[in-house]
Amino acid sequence: MNQPYRETIYTYRGDECTTPFMAEATAHFFRGQIEALLVLVTKEAQQQNFADLERRFTGSLKPTPISISSGTNEEQLWKIFAVISEQIMPGDTIIFDITNGFRSLPVLALLATSYLRVVRGATVSHMVYGAYDASKDGKTPVFELTPFLSLLDWTTATDAFLKYGRADDLTQLVQAHSDYTKLGDTLKKLTAALQTSRPSEVMETASRLHTEIAQSRQATSAAAQPFGLLLDRIAAEYTPLGMTDAVENVLARDILLKQHEMIQWYVGKGLYVQAITLAREWLVSWVIAHQPAGDIFDKTTRDYADAAINGYREATISGRRGKERQPVPPAMYQVAQTPLVQQLWNKTRDLRNDLGHTGMRKDPRTALKVESEVREACGQLHQLLSIATS
């Protein structure tokens, strides 16, 4: 507020208010919802306009001036940020009018309130702007800009998705838009499968993404556009993990290749527990896949392979008479004792045990050491891919 304002008829959702001041119109449009009307004013604005604004309020609600600098340098901008922060209390609901913001003040105030809604649990229920330049026949439309606040939520959710592979927040935003409900549900399932190390479920869920993304591209909702811009990134991130018939043993080699991609994806996202957990099982599956008619999904077969890779010629197998010791097939034992397999197994098994037991041992590895060794061990698995499966 640092210049005289012309009277106009502000219009908002079928309501009207004739006034030179959008602050008054805001108080009118949201009457009954406002407990305090705070007006950010520079020294010049307070001298020139505030008294006129104050005189227009005759009821119990009065505008309260909040003095700020003109924001002509970075230090002043941070002071304005601090002033705004001091006005917002935990749990506050804010109606934000940016119409007469001076210089960069609207952007600064928006960022400040968005920041404080996280650290203090405040809510921005409305952000409005009186578009005087769009006036017609003496009437000035008031735009509801609140949906654009969600861009900050989309930004945070997208960052978490791209950095850590978590689509939780993104899914929550997506499910608010009917255009993307189906794709949102798929992302939710995919995130859960990735976080809980369910490779077959990951592959089968990711295999549906191509079709669902293609369908989502036809969505026309303006409010859902932020998500629409992410479709290419989602496709690039997740569709490589997709595979139909991910539990068909006849596709064991393809499954191993896809799971190897998943392990590297885990490492790239810093999900080291999931990476080493899957790597350990991947090595067992690799041994089985080198057996004629070996079934990587059969528990008994996995028990044999697990024993063989650990150097045992007998495995404890659950049978009709309970648990029995059974000889490991010689061909499986031979494959399991391949030097490269043993080298990778020793690294992977030890790391998996270290993580699984949360370092509860004497002289455990440091967290940074674990991360480094997981990256190294998982990065060496590709050496086995050149050895063809049966």
Protein backbone atom coordinates (compact mmCIF):
# COMPACT_ATOMS: atom_id res chain seq x y z
CA MET A 1 0.00 0.00 0.00
CA ASN A 2 2.11 2.93 -1.19
CA GLN A 3 -0.08 4.79 -3.70
CA PRO A 4 -3.67 6.12 -3.85
CA TYR A 5 -6.16 3.53 -5.08
CA ARG A 6 -9.18 4.03 -7.29
CA GLU A 7 -12.56 2.79 -6.22
CA THR A 8 -13.81 -0.26 -8.07
CA ILE A 9 -16.34 -3.04 -7.64
CA TYR A 10 -14.47 -6.17 -6.66
CA THR A 11 -16.33 -9.34 -7.63
CA TYR A 12 -15.72 -12.77 -6.14
CA ARG A 13 -17.88 -15.85 -6.61
CA GLY A 14 -21.08 -13.90 -7.13
CA ASP A 15 -20.40 -11.40 -4.34
CA GLU A 16 -19.43 -7.74 -4.78
CA CYS A 17 -17.71 -5.04 -2.72
CA THR A 18 -17.23 -1.43 -3.82
CA THR A 19 -14.00 -0.02 -2.37
CA PRO A 20 -10.59 1.35 -3.33
CA PHE A 21 -8.97 -1.26 -1.08
CA MET A 22 -8.77 -4.95 -1.84
CA ALA A 23 -8.09 -5.50 1.88
CA GLU A 24 -11.60 -4.30 2.62
CA ALA A 25 -13.03 -6.47 -0.13
CA THR A 26 -11.19 -9.48 1.29
CA ALA A 27 -12.68 -8.82 4.72
CA HIS A 28 -16.12 -8.59 3.09
CA PHE A 29 -15.82 -11.74 0.98
CA PHE A 30 -14.60 -13.82 3.91
CA ARG A 31 -16.69 -12.19 6.61
CA GLY A 32 -17.21 -14.46 9.56
CA GLN A 33 -13.96 -16.27 8.81
CA ILE A 34 -11.51 -13.55 9.83
CA GLU A 35 -10.44 -12.98 13.42
CA ALA A 36 -7.57 -10.60 12.65
CA LEU A 37 -6.83 -8.47 9.59
CA LEU A 38 -3.09 -7.89 9.30
CA VAL A 39 -1.87 -5.44 6.67
CA LEU A 40 1.80 -5.33 5.72
CA VAL A 41 2.73 -1.69 5.17
CA THR A 42 5.89 0.24 4.47
CA LYS A 43 6.43 3.54 6.26
CA GLU A 44 5.33 5.43 3.12
CA ALA A 45 2.21 3.31 2.65
CA GLN A 46 1.14 3.73 6.25
CA GLN A 47 1.43 7.50 5.97
CA GLN A 48 -0.38 7.70 2.64
CA ASN A 49 -3.16 5.09 2.68
CA PHE A 50 -3.60 3.26 5.93
CA ALA A 51 -5.70 5.89 7.68
CA ASP A 52 -8.18 5.88 4.78
CA LEU A 53 -8.40 2.10 4.94
CA GLU A 54 -8.87 2.12 8.70
CA ARG A 55 -11.76 4.59 8.50
CA ARG A 56 -13.70 2.23 6.24
CA PHE A 57 -13.99 -0.34 9.05
CA THR A 58 -16.75 0.50 11.51
CA GLY A 59 -17.30 -2.86 13.19
CA SER A 60 -15.20 -4.84 15.64
CA LEU A 61 -12.79 -6.00 12.96
CA LYS A 62 -10.05 -3.42 12.43
CA PRO A 63 -6.99 -3.61 10.17
CA THR A 64 -3.72 -3.92 12.08
CA PRO A 65 -0.65 -2.42 10.40
CA ILE A 66 2.46 -4.58 10.33
CA SER A 67 5.46 -2.42 9.54
CA ILE A 68 7.99 -3.69 7.04
CA SER A 69 10.87 -2.20 5.11
CA SER A 70 10.76 -1.55 1.38
CA GLY A 71 12.76 -4.67 0.66
CA THR A 72 15.47 -2.98 -1.36
CA ASN A 73 18.20 -5.47 -0.47
CA GLU A 74 18.61 -9.06 0.62
CA GLU A 75 18.96 -8.23 4.32
CA GLN A 76 15.66 -6.33 4.28
CA LEU A 77 13.95 -9.23 2.52
CA TRP A 78 15.03 -11.60 5.29
CA LYS A 79 13.73 -9.14 7.88
CA ILE A 80 10.37 -9.08 6.08
CA PHE A 81 10.40 -12.87 6.16
CA ALA A 82 10.98 -12.73 9.93
CA VAL A 83 8.16 -10.21 10.40
CA ILE A 84 5.71 -12.41 8.53
CA SER A 85 6.87 -15.45 10.50
CA GLU A 86 6.22 -13.72 13.79
CA GLN A 87 2.56 -13.14 12.84
CA ILE A 88 1.74 -16.77 12.11
CA MET A 89 1.07 -18.99 15.09
CA PRO A 90 0.89 -22.81 15.22
CA GLY A 91 -2.37 -24.04 13.70
CA ASP A 92 -3.35 -20.69 12.16
CA THR A 93 -5.57 -20.60 9.09
CA ILE A 94 -4.51 -17.86 6.70
CA ILE A 95 -6.44 -15.97 4.02
CA PHE A 96 -3.78 -14.32 1.93
CA ASP A 97 -4.46 -11.27 -0.30
CA ILE A 98 -1.52 -10.42 -2.55
CA THR A 99 -3.23 -7.69 -4.60
CA ASN A 100 -1.28 -4.68 -3.43
CA GLY A 101 1.98 -6.36 -2.56
CA PHE A 102 5.00 -4.13 -3.14
CA ARG A 103 7.86 -5.35 -5.37
CA SER A 104 8.67 -8.98 -4.53
CA LEU A 105 6.54 -8.98 -1.38
CA PRO A 106 3.78 -11.28 -2.74
CA VAL A 107 6.31 -13.97 -3.63
CA LEU A 108 8.17 -13.57 -0.36
CA ALA A 109 5.02 -13.69 1.73
CA LEU A 110 3.79 -16.75 -0.15
CA LEU A 111 7.05 -18.61 0.42
CA ALA A 112 7.09 -17.59 4.06
CA THR A 113 3.56 -18.81 4.73
CA SER A 114 4.20 -22.02 2.80
CA TYR A 115 7.29 -22.61 4.89
CA LEU A 116 5.44 -21.91 8.12
CA ARG A 117 2.54 -24.19 7.28
CA VAL A 118 5.09 -26.98 7.50
CA VAL A 119 7.02 -25.92 10.60
CA ARG A 120 4.00 -24.52 12.48
CA GLY A 121 1.14 -26.45 10.98
CA ALA A 122 -0.51 -23.35 9.51
CA THR A 123 -3.01 -23.62 6.66
CA VAL A 124 -3.47 -21.26 3.71
CA SER A 125 -7.20 -21.59 3.05
CA HIS A 126 -7.37 -18.89 0.37
CA MET A 127 -4.95 -16.84 -1.68
CA VAL A 128 -6.72 -14.11 -3.67
CA TYR A 129 -5.74 -11.42 -6.12
CA GLY A 130 -7.85 -8.47 -7.26
CA ALA A 131 -7.00 -8.16 -10.94
CA TYR A 132 -7.50 -4.41 -11.43
CA ASP A 133 -5.90 -4.57 -14.89
CA ALA A 134 -8.66 -6.96 -15.90
CA SER A 135 -11.43 -4.59 -14.83
CA LYS A 136 -14.41 -4.25 -17.15
CA ASP A 137 -17.42 -1.95 -16.81
CA GLY A 138 -16.14 -0.79 -13.43
CA LYS A 139 -15.90 -4.31 -12.03
CA THR A 140 -12.64 -5.96 -10.98
CA PRO A 141 -12.52 -9.77 -10.84
CA VAL A 142 -10.90 -11.39 -7.83
CA PHE A 143 -8.98 -14.51 -8.77
CA GLU A 144 -8.71 -17.49 -6.46
CA LEU A 145 -5.06 -18.52 -6.66
CA THR A 146 -5.17 -21.10 -3.89
CA PRO A 147 -4.84 -24.09 -6.26
CA PHE A 148 -1.45 -22.76 -7.33
CA LEU A 149 -0.23 -23.16 -3.76
CA SER A 150 -0.31 -26.88 -4.40
CA LEU A 151 2.61 -26.39 -6.80
CA LEU A 152 4.86 -26.26 -3.75
CA ASP A 153 3.37 -29.55 -2.56
CA TRP A 154 3.85 -31.04 -6.02
CA THR A 155 7.46 -29.82 -6.00
CA THR A 156 8.22 -31.45 -2.65
CA ALA A 157 6.44 -34.66 -3.59
CA THR A 158 8.18 -34.81 -6.95
CA ASP A 159 11.56 -34.28 -5.32
CA ALA A 160 10.94 -37.19 -2.95
CA PHE A 161 9.80 -39.33 -5.87
CA LEU A 162 12.84 -38.61 -8.04
CA LYS A 163 15.43 -38.78 -5.25
CA TYR A 164 14.13 -41.63 -3.12
CA GLY A 165 11.63 -43.46 -5.26
CA ARG A 166 8.81 -42.76 -2.83
CA ALA A 167 5.52 -41.81 -4.47
CA ASP A 168 3.55 -41.61 -1.20
CA ASP A 169 3.03 -37.84 -1.17
CA LEU A 170 2.71 -37.76 -4.94
CA THR A 171 0.02 -40.43 -4.80
CA GLN A 172 -1.92 -38.47 -2.21
CA LEU A 173 -1.92 -35.40 -4.45
CA VAL A 174 -2.80 -37.44 -7.52
CA GLN A 175 -5.75 -39.15 -5.88
CA ALA A 176 -7.37 -35.77 -5.38
CA HIS A 177 -7.84 -35.59 -9.16
CA SER A 178 -10.19 -38.07 -10.80
CA ASP A 179 -8.18 -37.87 -14.04
CA TYR A 180 -5.32 -39.79 -12.46
CA THR A 181 -6.94 -42.00 -9.83
CA LYS A 182 -6.03 -45.28 -11.52
CA LEU A 183 -2.43 -44.28 -12.13
CA GLY A 184 -2.19 -42.94 -8.59
CA ASP A 185 -3.33 -46.29 -7.19
CA THR A 186 -0.72 -48.07 -9.29
CA LEU A 187 2.04 -45.78 -8.04
CA LYS A 188 0.92 -46.41 -4.47
CA LYS A 189 1.13 -50.18 -4.97
CA LEU A 190 4.45 -49.85 -6.76
CA THR A 191 5.96 -47.79 -3.94
CA ALA A 192 4.77 -50.29 -1.35
CA ALA A 193 6.20 -53.21 -3.34
CA LEU A 194 9.55 -51.49 -3.76
CA GLN A 195 9.82 -50.52 -0.11
CA THR A 196 8.93 -54.01 1.11
CA SER A 197 11.20 -55.80 -1.40
CA ARG A 198 8.57 -57.63 -3.46
CA PRO A 199 10.31 -57.87 -6.86
CA SER A 200 7.64 -59.89 -8.64
CA GLU A 201 4.94 -57.47 -7.52
CA VAL A 202 7.13 -54.55 -8.57
CA MET A 203 7.61 -55.99 -12.05
CA GLU A 204 3.97 -56.84 -12.62
CA THR A 205 2.76 -53.49 -11.30
CA ALA A 206 5.32 -51.54 -13.30
CA SER A 207 4.32 -53.44 -16.44
CA ARG A 208 0.91 -51.75 -16.32
CA LEU A 209 2.36 -48.26 -16.24
CA HIS A 210 2.82 -47.87 -20.00
CA THR A 211 -0.89 -48.31 -20.68
CA GLU A 212 -2.02 -46.24 -17.70
CA ILE A 213 0.35 -43.39 -18.54
CA ALA A 214 -0.93 -43.35 -22.12
CA GLN A 215 -4.50 -43.10 -20.81
CA SER A 216 -3.53 -40.38 -18.34
CA ARG A 217 -2.09 -38.22 -21.11
CA GLN A 218 -5.66 -37.68 -22.33
CA ALA A 219 -6.64 -35.99 -19.05
CA THR A 220 -7.70 -32.38 -19.49
CA SER A 221 -8.14 -31.11 -15.92
CA ALA A 222 -6.22 -27.86 -15.49
CA ALA A 223 -5.66 -28.51 -11.79
CA ALA A 224 -3.98 -31.83 -12.59
CA GLN A 225 -1.48 -30.35 -15.04
CA PRO A 226 1.45 -30.45 -12.58
CA PHE A 227 1.12 -34.21 -12.49
CA GLY A 228 0.72 -34.40 -16.24
CA LEU A 229 4.16 -32.87 -16.63
CA LEU A 230 5.59 -35.71 -14.56
CA LEU A 231 4.33 -38.52 -16.76
CA ASP A 232 7.52 -38.74 -18.81
CA ARG A 233 9.63 -38.85 -15.65
CA ILE A 234 7.43 -41.55 -14.17
CA ALA A 235 7.72 -43.57 -17.36
CA ALA A 236 11.50 -43.22 -17.41
CA GLU A 237 11.80 -44.09 -13.73
CA TYR A 238 9.51 -47.07 -13.38
CA THR A 239 8.65 -48.70 -16.69
CA PRO A 240 12.15 -50.25 -17.02
CA LEU A 241 11.28 -52.30 -13.94
CA GLY A 242 8.15 -53.72 -15.57
CA MET A 243 7.67 -57.29 -16.71
CA THR A 244 4.54 -59.32 -17.29
CA ASP A 245 4.45 -62.94 -16.11
CA ALA A 246 7.04 -62.07 -13.45
CA VAL A 247 6.41 -65.35 -11.61
CA GLU A 248 6.78 -67.66 -14.62
CA ASN A 249 9.82 -69.83 -13.99
CA VAL A 250 10.35 -70.43 -17.72
CA LEU A 251 11.34 -66.75 -17.84
CA ALA A 252 13.91 -67.14 -15.09
CA ARG A 253 16.72 -65.48 -17.05
CA ASP A 254 14.58 -62.48 -17.94
CA ILE A 255 13.46 -62.25 -14.32
CA LEU A 256 17.08 -62.25 -13.15
CA LEU A 257 17.94 -59.47 -15.59
CA LYS A 258 14.98 -57.39 -14.43
CA GLN A 259 15.78 -57.99 -10.76
CA HIS A 260 19.35 -56.92 -11.41
CA GLU A 261 18.01 -53.63 -12.75
CA MET A 262 15.92 -53.33 -9.62
CA ILE A 263 18.95 -53.85 -7.38
CA GLN A 264 20.81 -51.07 -9.18
CA TRP A 265 17.70 -48.87 -8.86
CA TYR A 266 17.70 -49.46 -5.11
CA VAL A 267 21.36 -48.54 -4.86
CA GLY A 268 20.79 -45.40 -6.91
CA LYS A 269 18.04 -44.31 -4.51
CA GLY A 270 20.11 -45.03 -1.41
CA LEU A 271 17.82 -47.92 -0.40
CA TYR A 272 20.68 -50.10 0.74
CA VAL A 273 18.70 -52.49 2.94
CA GLN A 274 16.39 -53.38 0.05
CA ALA A 275 19.32 -53.56 -2.37
CA ILE A 276 21.36 -56.05 -0.37
CA THR A 277 18.29 -58.06 0.65
CA LEU A 278 17.33 -58.58 -2.98
CA ALA A 279 20.97 -59.15 -3.99
CA ARG A 280 21.24 -62.02 -1.53
CA GLU A 281 18.12 -63.71 -2.93
CA TRP A 282 19.23 -62.91 -6.47
CA LEU A 283 22.37 -64.99 -6.02
CA VAL A 284 20.31 -67.94 -4.80
CA SER A 285 18.02 -67.57 -7.82
CA TRP A 286 21.06 -67.39 -10.11
CA VAL A 287 22.29 -70.77 -8.84
CA ILE A 288 18.85 -72.34 -9.35
CA ALA A 289 18.51 -70.88 -12.84
CA HIS A 290 21.62 -72.85 -13.83
CA GLN A 291 19.88 -76.15 -13.10
CA PRO A 292 17.81 -78.02 -15.66
CA ALA A 293 14.16 -77.29 -14.81
CA GLY A 294 15.21 -75.43 -11.67
CA ASP A 295 12.32 -73.43 -10.21
CA ILE A 296 13.43 -70.14 -8.65
CA PHE A 297 10.06 -69.78 -6.90
CA ASP A 298 10.00 -73.25 -5.27
CA LYS A 299 10.85 -73.11 -1.56
CA THR A 300 12.41 -76.58 -1.41
CA THR A 301 14.63 -75.82 -4.39
CA ARG A 302 15.69 -72.55 -2.75
CA ASP A 303 16.54 -74.43 0.44
CA TYR A 304 18.83 -76.72 -1.57
CA ALA A 305 20.47 -73.79 -3.34
CA ASP A 306 20.86 -71.87 -0.09
CA ALA A 307 22.65 -74.82 1.50
CA ALA A 308 24.85 -75.34 -1.56
CA ILE A 309 25.93 -71.72 -1.80
CA ASN A 310 26.81 -71.81 1.91
CA GLY A 311 29.04 -74.82 1.32
CA TYR A 312 26.77 -77.59 2.66
CA ARG A 313 26.23 -80.81 0.76
CA GLU A 314 23.00 -81.45 2.65
CA ALA A 315 19.99 -79.22 3.18
CA THR A 316 17.28 -79.23 5.83
CA ILE A 317 14.07 -79.86 3.93
CA SER A 318 10.52 -79.89 5.28
CA GLY A 319 8.85 -83.18 4.37
CA ARG A 320 5.95 -85.35 5.42
CA ARG A 321 7.85 -86.52 8.49
CA GLY A 322 8.96 -83.04 9.44
CA LYS A 323 12.37 -81.56 8.72
CA GLU A 324 14.84 -83.94 7.11
CA ARG A 325 18.42 -83.71 5.92
CA GLN A 326 18.57 -84.28 2.16
CA PRO A 327 21.59 -84.31 -0.15
CA VAL A 328 22.08 -81.27 -2.36
CA PRO A 329 22.09 -82.16 -6.09
CA PRO A 330 25.77 -82.38 -7.12
CA ALA A 331 25.30 -80.17 -10.18
CA MET A 332 23.74 -77.45 -8.02
CA TYR A 333 26.56 -77.67 -5.49
CA GLN A 334 29.14 -77.36 -8.25
CA VAL A 335 27.51 -74.21 -9.66
CA ALA A 336 27.08 -72.72 -6.19
CA GLN A 337 30.78 -73.17 -5.45
CA THR A 338 31.91 -71.26 -8.55
CA PRO A 339 34.64 -68.88 -7.30
CA LEU A 340 32.89 -65.74 -8.57
CA VAL A 341 29.60 -66.81 -6.97
CA GLN A 342 31.37 -67.50 -3.67
CA GLN A 343 33.19 -64.18 -3.77
CA LEU A 344 29.95 -62.23 -4.29
CA TRP A 345 28.01 -64.40 -1.85
CA ASN A 346 30.46 -63.85 0.99
CA LYS A 347 30.24 -60.08 0.55
CA THR A 348 26.50 -60.02 0.13
CA ARG A 349 25.67 -62.43 2.94
CA ASP A 350 27.84 -60.61 5.45
CA LEU A 351 26.41 -57.23 4.52
CA ARG A 352 22.85 -58.52 4.63
CA ASN A 353 23.46 -60.01 8.10
CA ASP A 354 25.09 -56.81 9.31
CA LEU A 355 22.08 -54.78 8.20
CA GLY A 356 19.55 -57.35 9.34
CA HIS A 357 21.06 -57.44 12.82
CA THR A 358 21.34 -53.62 12.90
CA GLY A 359 25.05 -53.67 13.69
CA MET A 360 24.49 -55.42 17.02
CA ARG A 361 27.93 -56.98 17.11
CA LYS A 362 31.35 -56.00 18.34
CA ASP A 363 33.10 -53.46 16.11
CA PRO A 364 30.27 -53.16 13.54
CA ARG A 365 30.78 -51.32 10.30
CA THR A 366 29.90 -47.65 10.33
CA ALA A 367 26.83 -46.62 8.37
CA LEU A 368 28.94 -44.94 5.70
CA LYS A 369 31.09 -48.06 5.38
CA VAL A 370 27.99 -50.19 4.93
CA GLU A 371 26.69 -47.91 2.19
CA SER A 372 30.02 -48.01 0.38
CA GLU A 373 30.31 -51.79 0.56
CA VAL A 374 26.70 -52.35 -0.53
CA ARG A 375 27.30 -50.16 -3.59
CA GLU A 376 30.46 -52.12 -4.36
CA ALA A 377 28.93 -55.56 -3.88
CA CYS A 378 25.79 -54.81 -5.89
CA GLY A 379 27.88 -53.19 -8.60
CA GLN A 380 29.76 -56.46 -9.10
CA LEU A 381 26.70 -58.65 -9.67
CA HIS A 382 26.74 -57.81 -13.38
CA GLN A 383 29.77 -60.10 -13.73
CA LEU A 384 27.46 -63.09 -13.38
CA LEU A 385 25.11 -61.88 -16.12
CA SER A 386 27.61 -62.89 -18.79
CA ILE A 387 27.33 -66.52 -17.65
CA ALA A 388 24.28 -67.86 -19.45
CA THR A 389 21.56 -69.65 -17.50
CA SER A 390 20.28 -73.06 -18.53
